[in-house]
Amino acid sequence: MNRRTGLLCLTLFATACGPESEIAANETGKALSTSEQKTDVSALVDPPIITFWSGTGCPDGTQVGWYTYNNAAMIMPNSSGSGWVNDEAKSLMVFRMPAGTIIRVYDSPSGAHNDDWAEIVIKEYAPQLCVSSFEDPVNNAAYSLRWCRHNGLNGKVSQARMQPYAFNGSTCNGTWY
């Protein structure tokens, strides 16, 4: 081993095992539990994922698209934007999704509210969660779904958006379900 490699190894060992390698703490200075530390690391190793399915009930039918979520506002384009197959999605499934994430799916390619659209609010951390239909209102401990009905949304999704905070605007030119 040459001198440069030896110094690098010594520096890495000292950094990893030195006094700065104490148990991680949260913003209050309280030590994080092992499970909290694993959650922080797993978000980097296994980021949240959203998948779209052609059948109702999630893994039913064919997977028609998927995205990695980076906890920022994002638009998931349909096939014209290299995303899922347009007008195919009838359900979605999320993996490792943080609480507070809000997902909207639209019949309109521009995300306009003058056609069908649905809003899904993830209420608690979801290691794996199936939203079996965009047309079935749900309000349980895991998530809520409300649907603005015009002429049907399942199999007509042309745009999806997700973000970690509430959307602006929620007009419904149809009927809320």
C-alpha atoms as a PDB file:
ATOM      1  CA  MET A   1       0.000   0.000   0.000  1.00  0.00           C
ATOM      2  CA  ASN A   2       1.457   3.370  -0.904  1.00  0.00           C
ATOM      3  CA  ARG A   3       1.582   6.332   1.442  1.00  0.00           C
ATOM      4  CA  ARG A   4      -1.337   8.150  -0.219  1.00  0.00           C
ATOM      5  CA  THR A   5      -3.689   5.157   0.095  1.00  0.00           C
ATOM      6  CA  GLY A   6      -2.598   4.643   3.717  1.00  0.00           C
ATOM      7  CA  LEU A   7      -3.361   8.266   4.613  1.00  0.00           C
ATOM      8  CA  LEU A   8      -6.742   8.048   2.903  1.00  0.00           C
ATOM      9  CA  CYS A   9      -7.634   4.883   4.859  1.00  0.00           C
ATOM     10  CA  LEU A  10      -6.511   6.469   8.130  1.00  0.00           C
ATOM     11  CA  THR A  11      -8.553   9.612   7.429  1.00  0.00           C
ATOM     12  CA  LEU A  12     -11.669   7.605   6.568  1.00  0.00           C
ATOM     13  CA  PHE A  13     -11.287   5.440   9.694  1.00  0.00           C
ATOM     14  CA  ALA A  14     -10.804   8.480  11.928  1.00  0.00           C
ATOM     15  CA  THR A  15     -13.815  10.211  10.420  1.00  0.00           C
ATOM     16  CA  ALA A  16     -16.070   7.177  10.719  1.00  0.00           C
ATOM     17  CA  CYS A  17     -14.943   6.193  14.211  1.00  0.00           C
ATOM     18  CA  GLY A  18     -13.953   9.505  15.735  1.00  0.00           C
ATOM     19  CA  PRO A  19     -15.884  11.640  18.234  1.00  0.00           C
ATOM     20  CA  GLU A  20     -18.069  13.065  15.443  1.00  0.00           C
ATOM     21  CA  SER A  21     -19.540   9.597  14.767  1.00  0.00           C
ATOM     22  CA  GLU A  22     -21.938   9.811  17.692  1.00  0.00           C
ATOM     23  CA  ILE A  23     -25.588   8.773  17.391  1.00  0.00           C
ATOM     24  CA  ALA A  24     -27.530  11.078  15.098  1.00  0.00           C
ATOM     25  CA  ALA A  25     -29.859  13.579  16.760  1.00  0.00           C
ATOM     26  CA  ASN A  26     -33.020  15.262  15.579  1.00  0.00           C
ATOM     27  CA  GLU A  27     -33.641  19.020  15.593  1.00  0.00           C
ATOM     28  CA  THR A  28     -34.404  18.981  19.343  1.00  0.00           C
ATOM     29  CA  GLY A  29     -31.050  17.369  20.119  1.00  0.00           C
ATOM     30  CA  LYS A  30     -32.683  14.084  21.170  1.00  0.00           C
ATOM     31  CA  ALA A  31     -30.934  10.977  19.834  1.00  0.00           C
ATOM     32  CA  LEU A  32     -32.728   9.290  16.945  1.00  0.00           C
ATOM     33  CA  SER A  33     -33.839   5.711  17.428  1.00  0.00           C
ATOM     34  CA  THR A  34     -32.387   3.024  15.165  1.00  0.00           C
ATOM     35  CA  SER A  35     -35.668   2.809  13.229  1.00  0.00           C
ATOM     36  CA  GLU A  36     -35.660   6.605  12.675  1.00  0.00           C
ATOM     37  CA  GLN A  37     -32.077   6.444  11.416  1.00  0.00           C
ATOM     38  CA  LYS A  38     -33.003   3.593   9.046  1.00  0.00           C
ATOM     39  CA  THR A  39     -35.988   5.597   7.747  1.00  0.00           C
ATOM     40  CA  ASP A  40     -33.753   8.583   6.966  1.00  0.00           C
ATOM     41  CA  VAL A  41     -31.263   6.373   5.122  1.00  0.00           C
ATOM     42  CA  SER A  42     -33.876   4.272   3.308  1.00  0.00           C
ATOM     43  CA  ALA A  43     -35.392   7.388   1.708  1.00  0.00           C
ATOM     44  CA  LEU A  44     -32.061   7.835  -0.053  1.00  0.00           C
ATOM     45  CA  VAL A  45     -31.546   4.168  -0.883  1.00  0.00           C
ATOM     46  CA  ASP A  46     -35.183   3.290  -1.639  1.00  0.00           C
ATOM     47  CA  PRO A  47     -36.986   6.501  -2.629  1.00  0.00           C
ATOM     48  CA  PRO A  48     -40.784   6.736  -2.762  1.00  0.00           C
ATOM     49  CA  ILE A  49     -42.283   5.288  -5.960  1.00  0.00           C
ATOM     50  CA  ILE A  50     -45.679   5.718  -7.629  1.00  0.00           C
ATOM     51  CA  THR A  51     -46.938   3.197 -10.191  1.00  0.00           C
ATOM     52  CA  PHE A  52     -49.970   3.393 -12.484  1.00  0.00           C
ATOM     53  CA  TRP A  53     -52.032   0.329 -13.489  1.00  0.00           C
ATOM     54  CA  SER A  54     -54.424  -0.363 -16.385  1.00  0.00           C
ATOM     55  CA  GLY A  55     -56.836  -2.314 -14.182  1.00  0.00           C
ATOM     56  CA  THR A  56     -58.687  -1.371 -11.019  1.00  0.00           C
ATOM     57  CA  GLY A  57     -57.240  -2.859  -7.855  1.00  0.00           C
ATOM     58  CA  CYS A  58     -53.574  -2.019  -8.540  1.00  0.00           C
ATOM     59  CA  PRO A  59     -51.469  -4.979  -9.566  1.00  0.00           C
ATOM     60  CA  ASP A  60     -54.472  -5.836 -11.727  1.00  0.00           C
ATOM     61  CA  GLY A  61     -53.868  -5.381 -15.431  1.00  0.00           C
ATOM     62  CA  THR A  62     -50.622  -4.000 -16.775  1.00  0.00           C
ATOM     63  CA  GLN A  63     -48.312  -1.481 -15.181  1.00  0.00           C
ATOM     64  CA  VAL A  64     -48.595   1.521 -17.502  1.00  0.00           C
ATOM     65  CA  GLY A  65     -46.113   3.850 -15.807  1.00  0.00           C
ATOM     66  CA  TRP A  66     -44.030   4.597 -12.733  1.00  0.00           C
ATOM     67  CA  TYR A  67     -42.119   7.500 -11.214  1.00  0.00           C
ATOM     68  CA  THR A  68     -39.618   8.110  -8.433  1.00  0.00           C
ATOM     69  CA  TYR A  69     -40.815  10.826  -6.059  1.00  0.00           C
ATOM     70  CA  ASN A  70     -38.242  13.232  -4.611  1.00  0.00           C
ATOM     71  CA  ASN A  71     -40.593  14.997  -2.146  1.00  0.00           C
ATOM     72  CA  ALA A  72     -40.920  18.043  -4.397  1.00  0.00           C
ATOM     73  CA  ALA A  73     -43.750  19.259  -6.617  1.00  0.00           C
ATOM     74  CA  MET A  74     -43.747  17.319  -9.873  1.00  0.00           C
ATOM     75  CA  ILE A  75     -45.864  16.744 -12.955  1.00  0.00           C
ATOM     76  CA  MET A  76     -45.865  13.188 -14.290  1.00  0.00           C
ATOM     77  CA  PRO A  77     -46.466  13.431 -18.020  1.00  0.00           C
ATOM     78  CA  ASN A  78     -48.293  10.833 -20.100  1.00  0.00           C
ATOM     79  CA  SER A  79     -46.795   9.026 -23.098  1.00  0.00           C
ATOM     80  CA  SER A  80     -46.383  12.230 -25.100  1.00  0.00           C
ATOM     81  CA  GLY A  81     -43.960  13.291 -22.353  1.00  0.00           C
ATOM     82  CA  SER A  82     -42.219   9.887 -22.048  1.00  0.00           C
ATOM     83  CA  GLY A  83     -44.348   8.798 -19.106  1.00  0.00           C
ATOM     84  CA  TRP A  84     -47.184   6.308 -18.715  1.00  0.00           C
ATOM     85  CA  VAL A  85     -49.520   5.254 -21.501  1.00  0.00           C
ATOM     86  CA  ASN A  86     -52.142   7.991 -21.988  1.00  0.00           C
ATOM     87  CA  ASP A  87     -55.769   7.153 -21.154  1.00  0.00           C
ATOM     88  CA  GLU A  88     -54.937   3.766 -19.593  1.00  0.00           C
ATOM     89  CA  ALA A  89     -54.504   4.251 -15.828  1.00  0.00           C
ATOM     90  CA  LYS A  90     -57.371   3.102 -13.608  1.00  0.00           C
ATOM     91  CA  SER A  91     -55.483   2.721 -10.318  1.00  0.00           C
ATOM     92  CA  LEU A  92     -52.187   3.559  -8.679  1.00  0.00           C
ATOM     93  CA  MET A  93     -49.895   2.099  -6.081  1.00  0.00           C
ATOM     94  CA  VAL A  94     -47.358   3.938  -3.927  1.00  0.00           C
ATOM     95  CA  PHE A  95     -44.338   2.568  -2.087  1.00  0.00           C
ATOM     96  CA  ARG A  96     -42.540   4.256   0.824  1.00  0.00           C
ATOM     97  CA  MET A  97     -44.695   7.382   0.372  1.00  0.00           C
ATOM     98  CA  PRO A  98     -44.386  10.020   3.107  1.00  0.00           C
ATOM     99  CA  ALA A  99     -47.428  11.301   4.989  1.00  0.00           C
ATOM    100  CA  GLY A 100     -48.731  14.584   3.629  1.00  0.00           C
ATOM    101  CA  THR A 101     -48.090  13.747  -0.025  1.00  0.00           C
ATOM    102  CA  ILE A 102     -50.938  14.870  -2.281  1.00  0.00           C
ATOM    103  CA  ILE A 103     -51.528  13.286  -5.681  1.00  0.00           C
ATOM    104  CA  ARG A 104     -53.898  14.592  -8.329  1.00  0.00           C
ATOM    105  CA  VAL A 105     -54.876  12.759 -11.522  1.00  0.00           C
ATOM    106  CA  TYR A 106     -56.616  14.583 -14.359  1.00  0.00           C
ATOM    107  CA  ASP A 107     -58.596  13.654 -17.459  1.00  0.00           C
ATOM    108  CA  SER A 108     -57.369  16.940 -18.960  1.00  0.00           C
ATOM    109  CA  PRO A 109     -53.813  16.801 -20.426  1.00  0.00           C
ATOM    110  CA  SER A 110     -53.193  20.296 -19.000  1.00  0.00           C
ATOM    111  CA  GLY A 111     -54.553  19.504 -15.518  1.00  0.00           C
ATOM    112  CA  ALA A 112     -57.600  21.731 -15.988  1.00  0.00           C
ATOM    113  CA  HIS A 113     -60.547  21.428 -13.608  1.00  0.00           C
ATOM    114  CA  ASN A 114     -63.237  21.550 -16.302  1.00  0.00           C
ATOM    115  CA  ASP A 115     -63.155  17.757 -16.699  1.00  0.00           C
ATOM    116  CA  ASP A 116     -62.789  14.783 -14.327  1.00  0.00           C
ATOM    117  CA  TRP A 117     -60.024  14.827 -11.736  1.00  0.00           C
ATOM    118  CA  ALA A 118     -59.284  13.232  -8.370  1.00  0.00           C
ATOM    119  CA  GLU A 119     -57.192  14.187  -5.361  1.00  0.00           C
ATOM    120  CA  ILE A 120     -55.513  11.605  -3.126  1.00  0.00           C
ATOM    121  CA  VAL A 121     -54.047  12.690   0.230  1.00  0.00           C
ATOM    122  CA  ILE A 122     -51.631  10.261   1.896  1.00  0.00           C
ATOM    123  CA  LYS A 123     -52.408  10.633   5.618  1.00  0.00           C
ATOM    124  CA  GLU A 124     -49.741   8.349   7.114  1.00  0.00           C
ATOM    125  CA  TYR A 125     -46.447   6.921   5.902  1.00  0.00           C
ATOM    126  CA  ALA A 126     -47.310   4.229   3.355  1.00  0.00           C
ATOM    127  CA  PRO A 127     -44.782   1.414   2.895  1.00  0.00           C
ATOM    128  CA  GLN A 128     -47.169   0.101   0.215  1.00  0.00           C
ATOM    129  CA  LEU A 129     -50.636   1.426  -0.596  1.00  0.00           C
ATOM    130  CA  CYS A 130     -53.101   0.662  -3.388  1.00  0.00           C
ATOM    131  CA  VAL A 131     -55.577   3.261  -4.634  1.00  0.00           C
ATOM    132  CA  SER A 132     -57.822   0.793  -6.450  1.00  0.00           C
ATOM    133  CA  SER A 133     -59.887   3.301  -8.436  1.00  0.00           C
ATOM    134  CA  PHE A 134     -59.923   7.031  -9.124  1.00  0.00           C
ATOM    135  CA  GLU A 135     -63.724   7.016  -9.006  1.00  0.00           C
ATOM    136  CA  ASP A 136     -64.307   5.596  -5.502  1.00  0.00           C
ATOM    137  CA  PRO A 137     -64.275   8.178  -2.694  1.00  0.00           C
ATOM    138  CA  VAL A 138     -62.263   6.997   0.318  1.00  0.00           C
ATOM    139  CA  ASN A 139     -61.543   8.488   3.726  1.00  0.00           C
ATOM    140  CA  ASN A 140     -59.666   6.163   6.048  1.00  0.00           C
ATOM    141  CA  ALA A 141     -56.590   6.350   8.282  1.00  0.00           C
ATOM    142  CA  ALA A 142     -54.176   5.720   5.385  1.00  0.00           C
ATOM    143  CA  TYR A 143     -55.513   8.086   2.717  1.00  0.00           C
ATOM    144  CA  SER A 144     -58.448  10.059   1.387  1.00  0.00           C
ATOM    145  CA  LEU A 145     -59.684  10.357  -2.191  1.00  0.00           C
ATOM    146  CA  ARG A 146     -62.209  12.798  -3.547  1.00  0.00           C
ATOM    147  CA  TRP A 147     -63.341  12.758  -7.155  1.00  0.00           C
ATOM    148  CA  CYS A 148     -64.764  15.558  -9.288  1.00  0.00           C
ATOM    149  CA  ARG A 149     -67.070  13.692 -11.678  1.00  0.00           C
ATOM    150  CA  HIS A 150     -67.841  14.937 -15.151  1.00  0.00           C
ATOM    151  CA  ASN A 151     -68.047  11.845 -17.387  1.00  0.00           C
ATOM    152  CA  GLY A 152     -65.620   9.318 -15.851  1.00  0.00           C
ATOM    153  CA  LEU A 153     -61.925   9.249 -14.965  1.00  0.00           C
ATOM    154  CA  ASN A 154     -60.807   5.603 -14.799  1.00  0.00           C
ATOM    155  CA  GLY A 155     -58.915   4.774 -17.983  1.00  0.00           C
ATOM    156  CA  LYS A 156     -58.879   8.425 -19.067  1.00  0.00           C
ATOM    157  CA  VAL A 157     -55.989   9.839 -16.996  1.00  0.00           C
ATOM    158  CA  SER A 158     -53.880  12.230 -19.080  1.00  0.00           C
ATOM    159  CA  GLN A 159     -51.867  13.995 -16.380  1.00  0.00           C
ATOM    160  CA  ALA A 160     -50.815  13.381 -12.772  1.00  0.00           C
ATOM    161  CA  ARG A 161     -49.170  15.693 -10.264  1.00  0.00           C
ATOM    162  CA  MET A 162     -47.854  15.182  -6.759  1.00  0.00           C
ATOM    163  CA  GLN A 163     -46.406  17.404  -4.080  1.00  0.00           C
ATOM    164  CA  PRO A 164     -45.819  17.502  -0.304  1.00  0.00           C
ATOM    165  CA  TYR A 165     -48.255  20.399   0.342  1.00  0.00           C
ATOM    166  CA  ALA A 166     -51.807  21.431  -0.562  1.00  0.00           C
ATOM    167  CA  PHE A 167     -52.624  22.407  -4.128  1.00  0.00           C
ATOM    168  CA  ASN A 168     -54.027  25.835  -4.979  1.00  0.00           C
ATOM    169  CA  GLY A 169     -57.513  25.634  -6.412  1.00  0.00           C
ATOM    170  CA  SER A 170     -60.037  22.846  -6.133  1.00  0.00           C
ATOM    171  CA  THR A 171     -62.958  23.909  -8.298  1.00  0.00           C
ATOM    172  CA  CYS A 172     -65.211  21.176  -9.591  1.00  0.00           C
ATOM    173  CA  ASN A 173     -67.270  21.798 -12.721  1.00  0.00           C
ATOM    174  CA  GLY A 174     -68.989  18.463 -12.196  1.00  0.00           C
ATOM    175  CA  THR A 175     -70.132  16.763  -8.991  1.00  0.00           C
ATOM    176  CA  TRP A 176     -67.914  16.020  -5.960  1.00  0.00           C
ATOM    177  CA  TYR A 177     -67.852  12.422  -4.779  1.00  0.00           C
END
